């Protein structure tokens, strides 16, 4: 039978099987084809083939992996290998805040690049929009830049409920993954959508203005959104709550290709006087620089591209 991976670590995974039984399963032979290069063999959202244990109907073995529609990956610096965060997504929700923890636009720019590279539709969700800093001009300016580029952006508050109805309609009948820094309130958003304490949440670290890693492993949650939130009955969604990430490090994107994953850069790349060898820094006839001077590419995004390109080249990643 087939099943969907809900969560798991090492060689034990919780699988929601097609016969409506949730089983604890190990990988037969402990190795799955095409997964050996990853830190983790499977991610929430993966579809697998399962053989039931002959002695215990609530246990089984994973015999193979069904080819993925897509996968969202980051580079795990500590383990020095790619880490699967989620698979088979309809949309990826990039959660940020205007403050608490501090707003880090380059974190979102990196995550947008990874989503573009893996052909997953991203949505930028600003949680904690009830905070006074939500009105900060720099924050509003950066959110507008992403919106003007065609990215869907939402302003919500897990605390007050603002914007949750629109958010619920976006999630309805879709599989999505919530990705963001520690403390941005990913689990709190799930709880606000369901109207219950579905997931454990943690307080923000006052010393470092960072969140504690309350979610320690990615988990797929099949939720029923509260009627009072969605405005209608029986609205369901599948949400993968991923662990908080302090540094989002890109995977399998070369420094010289970084511009291809900036939405406004991509159509211009290759049209410079020096073609694909243009560094877009000081060359005469650089179409990227001309677009910056003309205001087609904002200075904020150009600076972000430069810094991310340098991070990839030097493997020196900032928070």
C-alpha atoms as a PDB file:
ATOM      1  CA  UNK A   1       0.000   0.000   0.000  1.00  0.00           C
ATOM      2  CA  UNK A   2       1.010   3.648  -0.210  1.00  0.00           C
ATOM      3  CA  UNK A   3       1.331   6.113   2.639  1.00  0.00           C
ATOM      4  CA  UNK A   4       2.307   9.708   3.406  1.00  0.00           C
ATOM      5  CA  UNK A   5       5.222  10.522   5.711  1.00  0.00           C
ATOM      6  CA  UNK A   6       4.021  12.567   8.687  1.00  0.00           C
ATOM      7  CA  UNK A   7       7.325  12.778  10.562  1.00  0.00           C
ATOM      8  CA  UNK A   8      10.356  10.754  11.509  1.00  0.00           C
ATOM      9  CA  UNK A   9      14.033  10.674  12.403  1.00  0.00           C
ATOM     10  CA  UNK A  10      16.891   8.305  11.617  1.00  0.00           C
ATOM     11  CA  UNK A  11      15.239   5.081  10.416  1.00  0.00           C
ATOM     12  CA  UNK A  12      11.778   5.351  12.021  1.00  0.00           C
ATOM     13  CA  UNK A  13       8.932   7.241  10.356  1.00  0.00           C
ATOM     14  CA  UNK A  14       5.258   7.796  11.107  1.00  0.00           C
ATOM     15  CA  UNK A  15       3.260   6.962   7.982  1.00  0.00           C
ATOM     16  CA  UNK A  16      -0.422   7.683   7.303  1.00  0.00           C
ATOM     17  CA  UNK A  17      -1.329   4.691   5.144  1.00  0.00           C
ATOM     18  CA  UNK A  18      -3.988   4.336   2.464  1.00  0.00           C
ATOM     19  CA  UNK A  19      -6.012   1.940   4.669  1.00  0.00           C
ATOM     20  CA  UNK A  20      -6.450   4.805   7.203  1.00  0.00           C
ATOM     21  CA  UNK A  21      -4.026   3.274   9.710  1.00  0.00           C
ATOM     22  CA  UNK A  22      -1.066   5.305  10.972  1.00  0.00           C
ATOM     23  CA  UNK A  23       1.974   3.040  11.190  1.00  0.00           C
ATOM     24  CA  UNK A  24       5.461   3.313  12.630  1.00  0.00           C
ATOM     25  CA  UNK A  25       7.710   2.150   9.813  1.00  0.00           C
ATOM     26  CA  UNK A  26      11.389   1.532   9.223  1.00  0.00           C
ATOM     27  CA  UNK A  27      13.171   1.612   5.877  1.00  0.00           C
ATOM     28  CA  UNK A  28      13.801  -1.815   4.444  1.00  0.00           C
ATOM     29  CA  UNK A  29      17.548  -2.136   4.041  1.00  0.00           C
ATOM     30  CA  UNK A  30      17.915   1.339   5.648  1.00  0.00           C
ATOM     31  CA  UNK A  31      18.665   2.927   2.242  1.00  0.00           C
ATOM     32  CA  UNK A  32      16.255   4.448  -0.273  1.00  0.00           C
ATOM     33  CA  UNK A  33      17.224   5.099  -3.883  1.00  0.00           C
ATOM     34  CA  UNK A  34      17.947   8.788  -4.596  1.00  0.00           C
ATOM     35  CA  UNK A  35      17.943   9.691  -0.886  1.00  0.00           C
ATOM     36  CA  UNK A  36      21.422   8.611   0.172  1.00  0.00           C
ATOM     37  CA  UNK A  37      22.920  12.069  -0.477  1.00  0.00           C
ATOM     38  CA  UNK A  38      20.567  13.797   1.973  1.00  0.00           C
ATOM     39  CA  UNK A  39      20.964  14.261   5.721  1.00  0.00           C
ATOM     40  CA  UNK A  40      17.517  12.689   6.109  1.00  0.00           C
ATOM     41  CA  UNK A  41      16.193   9.983   3.793  1.00  0.00           C
ATOM     42  CA  UNK A  42      12.577  11.157   3.922  1.00  0.00           C
ATOM     43  CA  UNK A  43      10.669  14.354   4.624  1.00  0.00           C
ATOM     44  CA  UNK A  44       7.107  15.116   5.687  1.00  0.00           C
ATOM     45  CA  UNK A  45       4.917  14.958   2.594  1.00  0.00           C
ATOM     46  CA  UNK A  46       6.838  12.123   0.945  1.00  0.00           C
ATOM     47  CA  UNK A  47       4.750   9.311  -0.569  1.00  0.00           C
ATOM     48  CA  UNK A  48       6.142   5.828   0.058  1.00  0.00           C
ATOM     49  CA  UNK A  49       5.290   2.193  -0.567  1.00  0.00           C
ATOM     50  CA  UNK A  50       4.668   0.321   2.692  1.00  0.00           C
ATOM     51  CA  UNK A  51       4.535  -3.380   3.545  1.00  0.00           C
ATOM     52  CA  UNK A  52       2.546  -4.189   6.693  1.00  0.00           C
ATOM     53  CA  UNK A  53       4.309  -6.052   9.493  1.00  0.00           C
ATOM     54  CA  UNK A  54       2.920  -9.597   9.646  1.00  0.00           C
ATOM     55  CA  UNK A  55       2.910  -9.581  13.458  1.00  0.00           C
ATOM     56  CA  UNK A  56       1.718  -6.023  14.190  1.00  0.00           C
ATOM     57  CA  UNK A  57      -0.770  -4.203  11.947  1.00  0.00           C
ATOM     58  CA  UNK A  58       0.402  -0.832  13.298  1.00  0.00           C
ATOM     59  CA  UNK A  59       3.966  -1.351  12.117  1.00  0.00           C
ATOM     60  CA  UNK A  60       5.496  -1.778   8.692  1.00  0.00           C
ATOM     61  CA  UNK A  61       8.472  -1.390   6.384  1.00  0.00           C
ATOM     62  CA  UNK A  62       9.063   1.282   3.752  1.00  0.00           C
ATOM     63  CA  UNK A  63      10.033  -0.532   0.575  1.00  0.00           C
ATOM     64  CA  UNK A  64      10.352   2.361  -1.875  1.00  0.00           C
ATOM     65  CA  UNK A  65       9.865   6.085  -2.424  1.00  0.00           C
ATOM     66  CA  UNK A  66       7.327   7.344  -4.958  1.00  0.00           C
ATOM     67  CA  UNK A  67       9.000   9.993  -7.194  1.00  0.00           C
ATOM     68  CA  UNK A  68       8.529  13.451  -5.708  1.00  0.00           C
ATOM     69  CA  UNK A  69       6.580  16.242  -7.395  1.00  0.00           C
ATOM     70  CA  UNK A  70       9.022  18.624  -5.737  1.00  0.00           C
ATOM     71  CA  UNK A  71      11.141  18.989  -2.616  1.00  0.00           C
ATOM     72  CA  UNK A  72      12.213  21.937  -0.495  1.00  0.00           C
ATOM     73  CA  UNK A  73      15.811  21.639   0.661  1.00  0.00           C
ATOM     74  CA  UNK A  74      18.369  23.690   2.533  1.00  0.00           C
ATOM     75  CA  UNK A  75      22.077  23.129   3.131  1.00  0.00           C
ATOM     76  CA  UNK A  76      22.733  21.844   6.654  1.00  0.00           C
ATOM     77  CA  UNK A  77      25.963  23.588   7.637  1.00  0.00           C
ATOM     78  CA  UNK A  78      26.595  21.459  10.722  1.00  0.00           C
ATOM     79  CA  UNK A  79      26.174  18.142   8.907  1.00  0.00           C
ATOM     80  CA  UNK A  80      27.650  19.477   5.641  1.00  0.00           C
ATOM     81  CA  UNK A  81      24.955  17.951   3.452  1.00  0.00           C
ATOM     82  CA  UNK A  82      21.522  18.895   2.043  1.00  0.00           C
ATOM     83  CA  UNK A  83      18.546  18.531   4.373  1.00  0.00           C
ATOM     84  CA  UNK A  84      15.036  17.790   3.128  1.00  0.00           C
ATOM     85  CA  UNK A  85      12.460  20.014   4.836  1.00  0.00           C
ATOM     86  CA  UNK A  86       9.299  19.008   2.955  1.00  0.00           C
ATOM     87  CA  UNK A  87       8.118  17.231  -0.191  1.00  0.00           C
ATOM     88  CA  UNK A  88       5.207  17.255  -2.656  1.00  0.00           C
ATOM     89  CA  UNK A  89       4.111  20.796  -1.880  1.00  0.00           C
ATOM     90  CA  UNK A  90       1.446  22.935  -3.504  1.00  0.00           C
ATOM     91  CA  UNK A  91       2.827  26.077  -1.872  1.00  0.00           C
ATOM     92  CA  UNK A  92       5.554  27.098   0.556  1.00  0.00           C
ATOM     93  CA  UNK A  93       4.709  29.646   3.255  1.00  0.00           C
ATOM     94  CA  UNK A  94       7.681  31.856   4.156  1.00  0.00           C
ATOM     95  CA  UNK A  95       6.836  33.264   7.572  1.00  0.00           C
ATOM     96  CA  UNK A  96       8.464  36.469   8.761  1.00  0.00           C
ATOM     97  CA  UNK A  97       7.774  39.169  11.355  1.00  0.00           C
ATOM     98  CA  UNK A  98       8.348  42.940  11.524  1.00  0.00           C
ATOM     99  CA  UNK A  99      10.033  42.352  14.910  1.00  0.00           C
ATOM    100  CA  UNK A 100      10.394  39.765  17.691  1.00  0.00           C
ATOM    101  CA  UNK A 101      12.546  38.223  16.195  1.00  0.00           C
ATOM    102  CA  UNK A 102      14.042  41.054  14.147  1.00  0.00           C
ATOM    103  CA  UNK A 103      13.027  41.314  10.502  1.00  0.00           C
ATOM    104  CA  UNK A 104      15.644  39.714   8.210  1.00  0.00           C
ATOM    105  CA  UNK A 105      14.751  40.339   4.558  1.00  0.00           C
ATOM    106  CA  UNK A 106      17.765  38.453   3.203  1.00  0.00           C
ATOM    107  CA  UNK A 107      16.510  35.280   4.908  1.00  0.00           C
ATOM    108  CA  UNK A 108      13.342  35.630   2.818  1.00  0.00           C
ATOM    109  CA  UNK A 109      15.322  36.459  -0.335  1.00  0.00           C
ATOM    110  CA  UNK A 110      17.349  33.247   0.093  1.00  0.00           C
ATOM    111  CA  UNK A 111      14.244  31.159   0.693  1.00  0.00           C
ATOM    112  CA  UNK A 112      12.599  32.732  -2.367  1.00  0.00           C
ATOM    113  CA  UNK A 113      15.638  31.747  -4.428  1.00  0.00           C
ATOM    114  CA  UNK A 114      15.429  28.149  -3.221  1.00  0.00           C
ATOM    115  CA  UNK A 115      11.708  28.053  -4.004  1.00  0.00           C
ATOM    116  CA  UNK A 116      12.326  29.482  -7.490  1.00  0.00           C
ATOM    117  CA  UNK A 117      15.070  26.905  -8.084  1.00  0.00           C
ATOM    118  CA  UNK A 118      12.724  24.064  -7.124  1.00  0.00           C
ATOM    119  CA  UNK A 119       9.618  25.435  -8.909  1.00  0.00           C
ATOM    120  CA  UNK A 120       7.531  25.744  -5.745  1.00  0.00           C
ATOM    121  CA  UNK A 121       5.070  28.621  -5.422  1.00  0.00           C
ATOM    122  CA  UNK A 122       6.089  30.817  -2.455  1.00  0.00           C
ATOM    123  CA  UNK A 123       3.830  32.977  -0.307  1.00  0.00           C
ATOM    124  CA  UNK A 124       5.313  35.533   2.094  1.00  0.00           C
ATOM    125  CA  UNK A 125       3.332  35.760   5.334  1.00  0.00           C
ATOM    126  CA  UNK A 126       4.059  38.477   7.874  1.00  0.00           C
ATOM    127  CA  UNK A 127       2.912  37.275  11.275  1.00  0.00           C
ATOM    128  CA  UNK A 128       2.629  39.567  14.319  1.00  0.00           C
ATOM    129  CA  UNK A 129       1.255  42.407  12.197  1.00  0.00           C
ATOM    130  CA  UNK A 130      -0.343  43.706  15.415  1.00  0.00           C
ATOM    131  CA  UNK A 131       3.096  44.915  16.559  1.00  0.00           C
ATOM    132  CA  UNK A 132       3.784  48.690  16.308  1.00  0.00           C
ATOM    133  CA  UNK A 133       6.915  47.940  14.233  1.00  0.00           C
ATOM    134  CA  UNK A 134       4.625  46.597  11.499  1.00  0.00           C
ATOM    135  CA  UNK A 135       4.207  50.236  10.463  1.00  0.00           C
ATOM    136  CA  UNK A 136       7.972  50.769  10.123  1.00  0.00           C
ATOM    137  CA  UNK A 137       8.709  52.382   6.742  1.00  0.00           C
ATOM    138  CA  UNK A 138      11.677  50.110   5.935  1.00  0.00           C
ATOM    139  CA  UNK A 139       9.644  46.987   6.675  1.00  0.00           C
ATOM    140  CA  UNK A 140       6.680  48.155   4.614  1.00  0.00           C
ATOM    141  CA  UNK A 141       9.006  49.115   1.761  1.00  0.00           C
ATOM    142  CA  UNK A 142      10.575  45.656   1.594  1.00  0.00           C
ATOM    143  CA  UNK A 143       7.201  43.908   1.716  1.00  0.00           C
ATOM    144  CA  UNK A 144       5.997  46.148  -1.148  1.00  0.00           C
ATOM    145  CA  UNK A 145       9.063  45.254  -3.220  1.00  0.00           C
ATOM    146  CA  UNK A 146       8.172  41.555  -2.996  1.00  0.00           C
ATOM    147  CA  UNK A 147       4.524  42.297  -3.747  1.00  0.00           C
ATOM    148  CA  UNK A 148       5.477  44.389  -6.807  1.00  0.00           C
ATOM    149  CA  UNK A 149       7.546  41.440  -8.052  1.00  0.00           C
ATOM    150  CA  UNK A 150       4.385  39.352  -8.131  1.00  0.00           C
ATOM    151  CA  UNK A 151       4.871  37.396  -4.911  1.00  0.00           C
ATOM    152  CA  UNK A 152       1.726  36.861  -2.836  1.00  0.00           C
ATOM    153  CA  UNK A 153       2.131  38.616   0.512  1.00  0.00           C
ATOM    154  CA  UNK A 154      -0.191  38.413   3.520  1.00  0.00           C
ATOM    155  CA  UNK A 155      -0.254  40.344   6.792  1.00  0.00           C
ATOM    156  CA  UNK A 156      -1.675  38.250   9.632  1.00  0.00           C
ATOM    157  CA  UNK A 157      -1.686  37.979  13.396  1.00  0.00           C
ATOM    158  CA  UNK A 158      -1.965  34.694  15.251  1.00  0.00           C
ATOM    159  CA  UNK A 159      -2.681  36.768  18.363  1.00  0.00           C
ATOM    160  CA  UNK A 160      -5.546  38.956  17.111  1.00  0.00           C
ATOM    161  CA  UNK A 161      -6.802  36.836  14.193  1.00  0.00           C
ATOM    162  CA  UNK A 162      -6.220  39.574  11.639  1.00  0.00           C
ATOM    163  CA  UNK A 163      -5.855  38.245   8.093  1.00  0.00           C
ATOM    164  CA  UNK A 164      -6.452  34.606   9.063  1.00  0.00           C
ATOM    165  CA  UNK A 165      -9.589  34.168   6.921  1.00  0.00           C
ATOM    166  CA  UNK A 166      -7.710  35.072   3.744  1.00  0.00           C
ATOM    167  CA  UNK A 167      -4.840  32.844   4.873  1.00  0.00           C
ATOM    168  CA  UNK A 168      -7.229  29.933   5.510  1.00  0.00           C
ATOM    169  CA  UNK A 169      -8.684  30.204   1.995  1.00  0.00           C
ATOM    170  CA  UNK A 170      -5.178  30.123   0.534  1.00  0.00           C
ATOM    171  CA  UNK A 171      -4.326  26.937   2.467  1.00  0.00           C
ATOM    172  CA  UNK A 172      -7.614  25.144   1.784  1.00  0.00           C
ATOM    173  CA  UNK A 173      -7.191  21.664   0.257  1.00  0.00           C
ATOM    174  CA  UNK A 174      -3.479  22.285  -0.294  1.00  0.00           C
ATOM    175  CA  UNK A 175      -0.293  20.827   1.121  1.00  0.00           C
ATOM    176  CA  UNK A 176       1.977  23.606   2.357  1.00  0.00           C
ATOM    177  CA  UNK A 177       5.112  23.961   4.451  1.00  0.00           C
ATOM    178  CA  UNK A 178       5.704  26.752   6.953  1.00  0.00           C
ATOM    179  CA  UNK A 179       9.351  27.892   6.847  1.00  0.00           C
ATOM    180  CA  UNK A 180      10.924  30.688   8.865  1.00  0.00           C
ATOM    181  CA  UNK A 181      13.278  31.753  11.607  1.00  0.00           C
ATOM    182  CA  UNK A 182      12.848  30.476  15.139  1.00  0.00           C
ATOM    183  CA  UNK A 183      10.232  32.538  16.960  1.00  0.00           C
ATOM    184  CA  UNK A 184       8.246  33.898  14.001  1.00  0.00           C
ATOM    185  CA  UNK A 185       5.176  31.989  15.193  1.00  0.00           C
ATOM    186  CA  UNK A 186       4.734  29.148  12.706  1.00  0.00           C
ATOM    187  CA  UNK A 187       3.207  26.820  15.301  1.00  0.00           C
ATOM    188  CA  UNK A 188       1.121  29.656  16.736  1.00  0.00           C
ATOM    189  CA  UNK A 189      -0.372  30.250  13.300  1.00  0.00           C
ATOM    190  CA  UNK A 190      -1.413  26.587  13.040  1.00  0.00           C
ATOM    191  CA  UNK A 191      -3.007  26.812  16.491  1.00  0.00           C
ATOM    192  CA  UNK A 192      -4.834  30.024  15.542  1.00  0.00           C
ATOM    193  CA  UNK A 193      -6.165  28.408  12.350  1.00  0.00           C
ATOM    194  CA  UNK A 194      -7.520  25.374  14.209  1.00  0.00           C
ATOM    195  CA  UNK A 195      -8.708  27.299  17.252  1.00  0.00           C
ATOM    196  CA  UNK A 196      -6.877  24.886  19.555  1.00  0.00           C
ATOM    197  CA  UNK A 197      -3.438  24.094  20.931  1.00  0.00           C
ATOM    198  CA  UNK A 198      -2.629  21.682  18.121  1.00  0.00           C
ATOM    199  CA  UNK A 199       1.111  22.379  18.304  1.00  0.00           C
ATOM    200  CA  UNK A 200       3.420  23.288  21.159  1.00  0.00           C
ATOM    201  CA  UNK A 201       4.712  26.859  21.103  1.00  0.00           C
ATOM    202  CA  UNK A 202       7.587  28.546  22.901  1.00  0.00           C
ATOM    203  CA  UNK A 203       8.404  31.988  24.232  1.00  0.00           C
ATOM    204  CA  UNK A 204      10.908  34.211  22.468  1.00  0.00           C
ATOM    205  CA  UNK A 205      14.383  34.370  23.998  1.00  0.00           C
ATOM    206  CA  UNK A 206      14.595  37.882  25.463  1.00  0.00           C
ATOM    207  CA  UNK A 207      18.391  37.808  25.648  1.00  0.00           C
ATOM    208  CA  UNK A 208      18.971  37.204  21.958  1.00  0.00           C
ATOM    209  CA  UNK A 209      15.566  38.228  20.526  1.00  0.00           C
ATOM    210  CA  UNK A 210      15.391  34.773  18.967  1.00  0.00           C
ATOM    211  CA  UNK A 211      12.926  31.988  19.329  1.00  0.00           C
ATOM    212  CA  UNK A 212      13.608  28.707  21.043  1.00  0.00           C
ATOM    213  CA  UNK A 213      13.483  25.637  18.815  1.00  0.00           C
ATOM    214  CA  UNK A 214      10.076  24.470  20.037  1.00  0.00           C
ATOM    215  CA  UNK A 215       9.487  22.450  16.862  1.00  0.00           C
ATOM    216  CA  UNK A 216      12.419  20.031  16.759  1.00  0.00           C
ATOM    217  CA  UNK A 217      11.439  18.064  13.665  1.00  0.00           C
ATOM    218  CA  UNK A 218       9.235  18.642  10.654  1.00  0.00           C
ATOM    219  CA  UNK A 219       5.708  17.282  10.996  1.00  0.00           C
ATOM    220  CA  UNK A 220       2.819  17.077   8.546  1.00  0.00           C
ATOM    221  CA  UNK A 221      -0.420  18.034  10.280  1.00  0.00           C
ATOM    222  CA  UNK A 222      -3.744  17.352   8.567  1.00  0.00           C
ATOM    223  CA  UNK A 223      -5.913  20.031  10.140  1.00  0.00           C
ATOM    224  CA  UNK A 224      -9.534  21.123  10.206  1.00  0.00           C
ATOM    225  CA  UNK A 225      -9.615  24.911  10.129  1.00  0.00           C
ATOM    226  CA  UNK A 226     -12.044  26.404  12.637  1.00  0.00           C
ATOM    227  CA  UNK A 227     -15.362  27.532  11.157  1.00  0.00           C
ATOM    228  CA  UNK A 228     -14.973  30.876  12.902  1.00  0.00           C
ATOM    229  CA  UNK A 229     -11.662  31.424  11.089  1.00  0.00           C
ATOM    230  CA  UNK A 230     -12.553  30.225   7.587  1.00  0.00           C
ATOM    231  CA  UNK A 231     -16.142  31.445   7.572  1.00  0.00           C
ATOM    232  CA  UNK A 232     -17.402  28.078   6.345  1.00  0.00           C
ATOM    233  CA  UNK A 233     -17.508  24.469   7.465  1.00  0.00           C
ATOM    234  CA  UNK A 234     -15.152  21.547   6.913  1.00  0.00           C
ATOM    235  CA  UNK A 235     -12.171  23.471   5.524  1.00  0.00           C
ATOM    236  CA  UNK A 236      -9.163  21.162   5.602  1.00  0.00           C
ATOM    237  CA  UNK A 237      -5.482  21.685   4.928  1.00  0.00           C
ATOM    238  CA  UNK A 238      -2.223  19.750   5.208  1.00  0.00           C
ATOM    239  CA  UNK A 239       0.476  21.850   6.856  1.00  0.00           C
ATOM    240  CA  UNK A 240       4.097  20.849   7.366  1.00  0.00           C
ATOM    241  CA  UNK A 241       5.450  22.699  10.394  1.00  0.00           C
ATOM    242  CA  UNK A 242       9.239  22.811   9.968  1.00  0.00           C
ATOM    243  CA  UNK A 243      11.799  23.494  12.721  1.00  0.00           C
ATOM    244  CA  UNK A 244      12.869  27.125  13.107  1.00  0.00           C
ATOM    245  CA  UNK A 245      15.903  28.037  11.019  1.00  0.00           C
ATOM    246  CA  UNK A 246      18.335  30.693  12.152  1.00  0.00           C
ATOM    247  CA  UNK A 247      20.376  30.670   8.948  1.00  0.00           C
ATOM    248  CA  UNK A 248      18.861  29.588   5.654  1.00  0.00           C
ATOM    249  CA  UNK A 249      21.783  28.366   3.555  1.00  0.00           C
ATOM    250  CA  UNK A 250      21.098  27.738  -0.125  1.00  0.00           C
ATOM    251  CA  UNK A 251      21.597  24.324  -1.707  1.00  0.00           C
ATOM    252  CA  UNK A 252      22.790  23.544  -5.232  1.00  0.00           C
ATOM    253  CA  UNK A 253      22.832  27.169  -6.436  1.00  0.00           C
ATOM    254  CA  UNK A 254      26.189  28.401  -7.760  1.00  0.00           C
ATOM    255  CA  UNK A 255      27.310  31.987  -7.142  1.00  0.00           C
ATOM    256  CA  UNK A 256      27.410  32.730 -10.878  1.00  0.00           C
ATOM    257  CA  UNK A 257      23.817  31.484 -11.233  1.00  0.00           C
ATOM    258  CA  UNK A 258      22.342  33.456  -8.318  1.00  0.00           C
ATOM    259  CA  UNK A 259      20.845  36.111 -10.615  1.00  0.00           C
ATOM    260  CA  UNK A 260      18.771  33.446 -12.377  1.00  0.00           C
ATOM    261  CA  UNK A 261      16.738  32.977  -9.185  1.00  0.00           C
ATOM    262  CA  UNK A 262      16.004  36.662  -8.618  1.00  0.00           C
ATOM    263  CA  UNK A 263      12.699  37.065 -10.427  1.00  0.00           C
ATOM    264  CA  UNK A 264      13.430  40.528 -11.846  1.00  0.00           C
ATOM    265  CA  UNK A 265      17.013  39.663 -12.854  1.00  0.00           C
ATOM    266  CA  UNK A 266      16.301  36.425 -14.717  1.00  0.00           C
ATOM    267  CA  UNK A 267      14.803  37.874 -17.968  1.00  0.00           C
ATOM    268  CA  UNK A 268      17.824  40.194 -18.371  1.00  0.00           C
ATOM    269  CA  UNK A 269      20.609  37.685 -17.619  1.00  0.00           C
ATOM    270  CA  UNK A 270      22.621  36.960 -20.753  1.00  0.00           C
ATOM    271  CA  UNK A 271      21.629  40.172 -22.562  1.00  0.00           C
ATOM    272  CA  UNK A 272      24.596  42.221 -21.298  1.00  0.00           C
ATOM    273  CA  UNK A 273      27.396  43.242 -23.681  1.00  0.00           C
ATOM    274  CA  UNK A 274      29.609  40.559 -22.119  1.00  0.00           C
ATOM    275  CA  UNK A 275      26.811  37.997 -22.106  1.00  0.00           C
ATOM    276  CA  UNK A 276      26.835  35.331 -19.409  1.00  0.00           C
ATOM    277  CA  UNK A 277      30.356  36.325 -18.315  1.00  0.00           C
ATOM    278  CA  UNK A 278      29.139  39.715 -17.062  1.00  0.00           C
ATOM    279  CA  UNK A 279      29.567  40.081 -13.295  1.00  0.00           C
ATOM    280  CA  UNK A 280      26.923  42.858 -13.103  1.00  0.00           C
ATOM    281  CA  UNK A 281      29.221  45.004 -10.987  1.00  0.00           C
ATOM    282  CA  UNK A 282      30.989  47.615 -13.159  1.00  0.00           C
ATOM    283  CA  UNK A 283      30.902  46.496 -16.782  1.00  0.00           C
ATOM    284  CA  UNK A 284      29.875  48.874 -19.560  1.00  0.00           C
ATOM    285  CA  UNK A 285      26.733  47.605 -21.256  1.00  0.00           C
ATOM    286  CA  UNK A 286      25.522  45.644 -18.205  1.00  0.00           C
ATOM    287  CA  UNK A 287      21.755  45.419 -18.510  1.00  0.00           C
ATOM    288  CA  UNK A 288      21.359  44.585 -14.812  1.00  0.00           C
ATOM    289  CA  UNK A 289      23.117  47.808 -13.766  1.00  0.00           C
ATOM    290  CA  UNK A 290      21.084  49.762 -16.307  1.00  0.00           C
ATOM    291  CA  UNK A 291      17.899  48.294 -14.780  1.00  0.00           C
ATOM    292  CA  UNK A 292      19.070  49.348 -11.297  1.00  0.00           C
ATOM    293  CA  UNK A 293      19.794  52.902 -12.475  1.00  0.00           C
ATOM    294  CA  UNK A 294      16.390  53.011 -14.167  1.00  0.00           C
ATOM    295  CA  UNK A 295      14.621  51.828 -11.004  1.00  0.00           C
ATOM    296  CA  UNK A 296      13.408  48.599 -12.621  1.00  0.00           C
ATOM    297  CA  UNK A 297      15.514  46.641 -10.131  1.00  0.00           C
ATOM    298  CA  UNK A 298      15.480  48.163  -6.653  1.00  0.00           C
ATOM    299  CA  UNK A 299      18.739  48.991  -4.910  1.00  0.00           C
ATOM    300  CA  UNK A 300      17.634  46.823  -1.957  1.00  0.00           C
ATOM    301  CA  UNK A 301      17.288  43.704  -4.107  1.00  0.00           C
ATOM    302  CA  UNK A 302      20.500  44.439  -6.017  1.00  0.00           C
ATOM    303  CA  UNK A 303      22.397  44.731  -2.730  1.00  0.00           C
ATOM    304  CA  UNK A 304      20.747  41.522  -1.478  1.00  0.00           C
ATOM    305  CA  UNK A 305      21.808  39.683  -4.657  1.00  0.00           C
ATOM    306  CA  UNK A 306      25.406  40.921  -4.253  1.00  0.00           C
ATOM    307  CA  UNK A 307      25.600  39.802  -0.642  1.00  0.00           C
ATOM    308  CA  UNK A 308      24.010  36.398  -1.297  1.00  0.00           C
ATOM    309  CA  UNK A 309      26.288  35.808  -4.291  1.00  0.00           C
ATOM    310  CA  UNK A 310      29.286  36.605  -2.081  1.00  0.00           C
ATOM    311  CA  UNK A 311      27.967  34.300   0.658  1.00  0.00           C
ATOM    312  CA  UNK A 312      27.728  31.416  -1.815  1.00  0.00           C
ATOM    313  CA  UNK A 313      31.214  32.115  -3.194  1.00  0.00           C
ATOM    314  CA  UNK A 314      32.861  32.345   0.227  1.00  0.00           C
ATOM    315  CA  UNK A 315      30.556  29.977   2.157  1.00  0.00           C
ATOM    316  CA  UNK A 316      30.326  32.675   4.821  1.00  0.00           C
ATOM    317  CA  UNK A 317      26.665  32.934   5.756  1.00  0.00           C
ATOM    318  CA  UNK A 318      25.188  35.661   7.973  1.00  0.00           C
ATOM    319  CA  UNK A 319      22.010  35.475  10.067  1.00  0.00           C
END
